[in-house]
Amino acid sequence: MKRKIMIIAVTILLTLGAVVYVTLAKPIYSGSTMMEVGEVVNYNNTNNTEQVQVISLDNINNLKNITSKVTGVSVTVPKGTNRILELSYVNESKEVIKSKLKSATDYIINRHKEKAKLYEGENAKIRSSKLVGEITVSDKAVKPKKTLVVVVAFITGLILSIFLAFFMEFIQGAKREEQ
């Protein structure tokens, strides 16, 4: 209780430092889009029976890795799907996010246009890769999480200052014992 002013001062100082940080930190936004990977459907008539063969234009996991390396965009395959890719990107600029995601989708579409040329024929029906929905960029910044930073700084300052008060009390008690 003797050191309550020090405890309050240290807590306020660290909390104010966190407020200054979140005020000056540049906001980082996130954007995402979904793509459906194209496929080729071959119809074969042999012995009066029609056989249908479906071939994906790309292995989904290979495409995920290649697209991520070439474009710098984060690519994931949502659970329960085998033809959908989720592309996402984070940056300070919303325009950079849109252009990065647009270039990644264009890369996939152009890659599959080239691959589809190998399957062109009278028995093949090609379903091109395409965007599912549109490119969305959040209006709310994903980083820094201002409330979280300030609350953690407040709690840290409080705990640190209480520890400091106990430590100072311990040092003073040790000096008294020596004398």
Protein backbone atom coordinates (compact mmCIF):
# COMPACT_ATOMS: atom_id res chain seq x y z
CA MET A 1 0.00 0.00 0.00
CA LYS A 2 2.98 2.32 0.57
CA ARG A 3 3.77 2.28 -3.13
CA LYS A 4 0.31 2.76 -4.62
CA ILE A 5 1.34 5.98 -6.40
CA MET A 6 4.23 4.14 -8.08
CA ILE A 7 1.88 1.28 -9.07
CA ILE A 8 -0.64 3.70 -10.57
CA ALA A 9 2.08 5.73 -12.35
CA VAL A 10 3.77 2.68 -13.96
CA THR A 11 0.40 1.26 -15.04
CA ILE A 12 -0.69 4.56 -16.58
CA LEU A 13 2.70 5.04 -18.26
CA LEU A 14 2.61 1.63 -19.98
CA THR A 15 -1.04 2.07 -20.96
CA LEU A 16 -0.31 5.51 -22.47
CA GLY A 17 2.63 4.01 -24.35
CA ALA A 18 0.29 1.42 -25.86
CA VAL A 19 -2.25 4.11 -26.79
CA VAL A 20 0.48 6.10 -28.57
CA TYR A 21 1.61 2.96 -30.40
CA VAL A 22 -1.86 2.00 -31.69
CA THR A 23 -2.54 5.61 -32.66
CA LEU A 24 0.65 5.91 -34.73
CA ALA A 25 0.73 2.37 -36.17
CA LYS A 26 -0.35 2.06 -39.78
CA PRO A 27 -3.49 -0.03 -40.22
CA ILE A 28 -3.16 -3.28 -42.15
CA TYR A 29 -6.12 -4.52 -44.18
CA SER A 30 -7.04 -7.95 -45.51
CA GLY A 31 -8.63 -9.03 -48.77
CA SER A 32 -9.76 -12.35 -50.17
CA THR A 33 -11.48 -14.10 -53.03
CA MET A 34 -12.49 -17.62 -54.03
CA MET A 35 -11.73 -19.43 -57.27
CA GLU A 36 -13.21 -22.56 -58.74
CA VAL A 37 -10.62 -24.70 -60.54
CA GLY A 38 -11.69 -25.68 -64.05
CA GLU A 39 -12.05 -29.18 -65.41
CA VAL A 40 -12.38 -31.11 -68.64
CA VAL A 41 -15.27 -33.50 -69.22
CA ASN A 42 -14.57 -36.10 -71.93
CA TYR A 43 -17.45 -37.99 -73.48
CA ASN A 44 -16.46 -41.28 -75.11
CA ASN A 45 -18.85 -43.49 -77.06
CA THR A 46 -17.52 -47.01 -77.29
CA ASN A 47 -19.65 -50.09 -77.99
CA ASN A 48 -22.86 -48.05 -77.69
CA THR A 49 -22.05 -47.04 -74.11
CA GLU A 50 -21.24 -43.50 -73.17
CA GLN A 51 -18.36 -43.02 -70.78
CA VAL A 52 -17.76 -39.72 -69.02
CA GLN A 53 -14.29 -38.86 -67.75
CA VAL A 54 -13.72 -35.73 -65.59
CA ILE A 55 -10.17 -34.37 -65.47
CA SER A 56 -9.17 -31.40 -63.33
CA LEU A 57 -7.08 -28.78 -65.12
CA ASP A 58 -4.64 -28.78 -62.18
CA ASN A 59 -3.88 -30.73 -59.03
CA ILE A 60 -5.38 -28.49 -56.35
CA ASN A 61 -2.43 -28.78 -53.93
CA ASN A 62 0.18 -28.18 -56.64
CA LEU A 63 -1.78 -25.18 -57.89
CA LYS A 64 -2.00 -23.84 -54.33
CA ASN A 65 1.77 -24.03 -53.87
CA ILE A 66 2.67 -22.69 -57.31
CA THR A 67 0.26 -19.76 -57.12
CA SER A 68 1.47 -18.85 -53.65
CA LYS A 69 5.13 -18.85 -54.75
CA VAL A 70 4.61 -17.01 -58.03
CA THR A 71 2.20 -14.30 -56.85
CA GLY A 72 3.01 -13.94 -53.13
CA VAL A 73 -0.65 -14.39 -52.22
CA SER A 74 -1.72 -16.76 -49.44
CA VAL A 75 -3.66 -19.68 -50.96
CA THR A 76 -5.68 -22.27 -49.03
CA VAL A 77 -8.07 -25.07 -49.90
CA PRO A 78 -11.23 -24.85 -47.76
CA LYS A 79 -12.09 -28.07 -45.94
CA GLY A 80 -14.53 -30.32 -47.73
CA THR A 81 -13.69 -29.01 -51.20
CA ASN A 82 -11.45 -30.26 -53.95
CA ARG A 83 -12.04 -27.63 -56.63
CA ILE A 84 -12.12 -24.36 -54.65
CA LEU A 85 -9.17 -22.14 -53.73
CA GLU A 86 -9.29 -19.25 -51.28
CA LEU A 87 -6.79 -16.50 -52.06
CA SER A 88 -5.99 -13.84 -49.44
CA TYR A 89 -3.53 -11.01 -49.02
CA VAL A 90 -2.78 -8.40 -46.33
CA ASN A 91 -1.26 -4.96 -46.84
CA GLU A 92 -1.49 -1.32 -45.74
CA SER A 93 -3.07 -0.33 -49.06
CA LYS A 94 -6.47 -1.57 -50.19
CA GLU A 95 -5.56 -0.92 -53.83
CA VAL A 96 -2.42 -3.08 -53.55
CA ILE A 97 -4.53 -5.88 -52.08
CA LYS A 98 -7.02 -5.71 -54.96
CA SER A 99 -4.31 -5.63 -57.62
CA LYS A 100 -2.38 -8.52 -56.02
CA LEU A 101 -5.49 -10.71 -55.82
CA LYS A 102 -6.47 -9.73 -59.37
CA SER A 103 -3.04 -10.70 -60.70
CA ALA A 104 -3.21 -14.04 -58.83
CA THR A 105 -6.62 -14.86 -60.29
CA ASP A 106 -5.43 -13.82 -63.76
CA TYR A 107 -2.39 -16.07 -63.34
CA ILE A 108 -4.58 -19.10 -62.54
CA ILE A 109 -7.04 -18.38 -65.38
CA ASN A 110 -4.24 -17.93 -67.95
CA ARG A 111 -2.46 -21.06 -66.72
CA HIS A 112 -5.64 -23.06 -67.19
CA LYS A 113 -6.38 -21.57 -70.61
CA GLU A 114 -3.02 -22.93 -71.77
CA LYS A 115 -3.69 -26.34 -70.20
CA ALA A 116 -7.19 -26.47 -71.70
CA LYS A 117 -5.71 -26.21 -75.22
CA LEU A 118 -4.29 -29.72 -74.71
CA TYR A 119 -7.79 -31.15 -74.28
CA GLU A 120 -9.59 -29.35 -77.10
CA GLY A 121 -11.52 -31.75 -79.26
CA GLU A 122 -14.99 -32.75 -80.32
CA ASN A 123 -15.61 -35.01 -77.31
CA ALA A 124 -14.31 -32.63 -74.62
CA LYS A 125 -16.25 -29.99 -72.79
CA ILE A 126 -14.01 -27.54 -70.93
CA ARG A 127 -15.19 -25.70 -67.82
CA SER A 128 -12.80 -22.80 -67.28
CA SER A 129 -11.47 -21.71 -63.92
CA LYS A 130 -13.41 -18.74 -62.62
CA LEU A 131 -13.92 -16.41 -59.69
CA VAL A 132 -16.61 -17.38 -57.22
CA GLY A 133 -18.04 -14.06 -56.08
CA GLU A 134 -15.71 -11.10 -56.23
CA ILE A 135 -12.57 -9.72 -54.61
CA THR A 136 -13.43 -8.29 -51.19
CA VAL A 137 -11.27 -6.02 -49.05
CA SER A 138 -12.25 -5.38 -45.44
CA ASP A 139 -12.90 -1.81 -44.36
CA LYS A 140 -11.78 -2.63 -40.82
CA ALA A 141 -8.07 -3.03 -40.20
CA VAL A 142 -6.92 -6.49 -39.12
CA LYS A 143 -3.79 -5.15 -37.42
CA PRO A 144 -3.09 -3.68 -34.93
CA LYS A 145 -5.90 -4.86 -32.68
CA LYS A 146 -6.12 -1.61 -30.77
CA THR A 147 -8.33 -2.68 -27.88
CA LEU A 148 -6.33 -5.84 -27.28
CA VAL A 149 -2.99 -4.00 -27.27
CA VAL A 150 -4.23 -1.38 -24.79
CA VAL A 151 -5.83 -3.96 -22.45
CA VAL A 152 -2.71 -6.17 -22.47
CA ALA A 153 -0.51 -3.14 -21.80
CA PHE A 154 -2.73 -2.11 -18.88
CA ILE A 155 -2.67 -5.59 -17.33
CA THR A 156 1.08 -5.95 -17.93
CA GLY A 157 1.74 -2.53 -16.38
CA LEU A 158 -0.36 -3.39 -13.34
CA ILE A 159 1.35 -6.74 -12.76
CA LEU A 160 4.82 -5.32 -13.43
CA SER A 161 4.29 -2.40 -11.06
CA ILE A 162 2.99 -4.66 -8.27
CA PHE A 163 6.01 -6.92 -8.72
CA LEU A 164 8.28 -3.86 -8.65
CA ALA A 165 6.62 -2.64 -5.42
CA PHE A 166 7.15 -6.02 -3.72
CA PHE A 167 10.76 -6.13 -4.95
CA MET A 168 11.50 -2.63 -3.63
CA GLU A 169 9.92 -3.60 -0.31
CA PHE A 170 12.12 -6.71 -0.20
CA ILE A 171 15.27 -4.63 -0.85
CA GLN A 172 14.34 -2.14 1.89
CA GLY A 173 13.67 -5.00 4.34
CA ALA A 174 17.08 -6.51 3.58
CA LYS A 175 18.79 -3.14 4.22
CA ARG A 176 16.97 -2.77 7.56
CA GLU A 177 18.14 -6.22 8.65
CA GLU A 178 21.76 -5.32 7.84
CA GLN A 179 21.61 -2.19 9.97
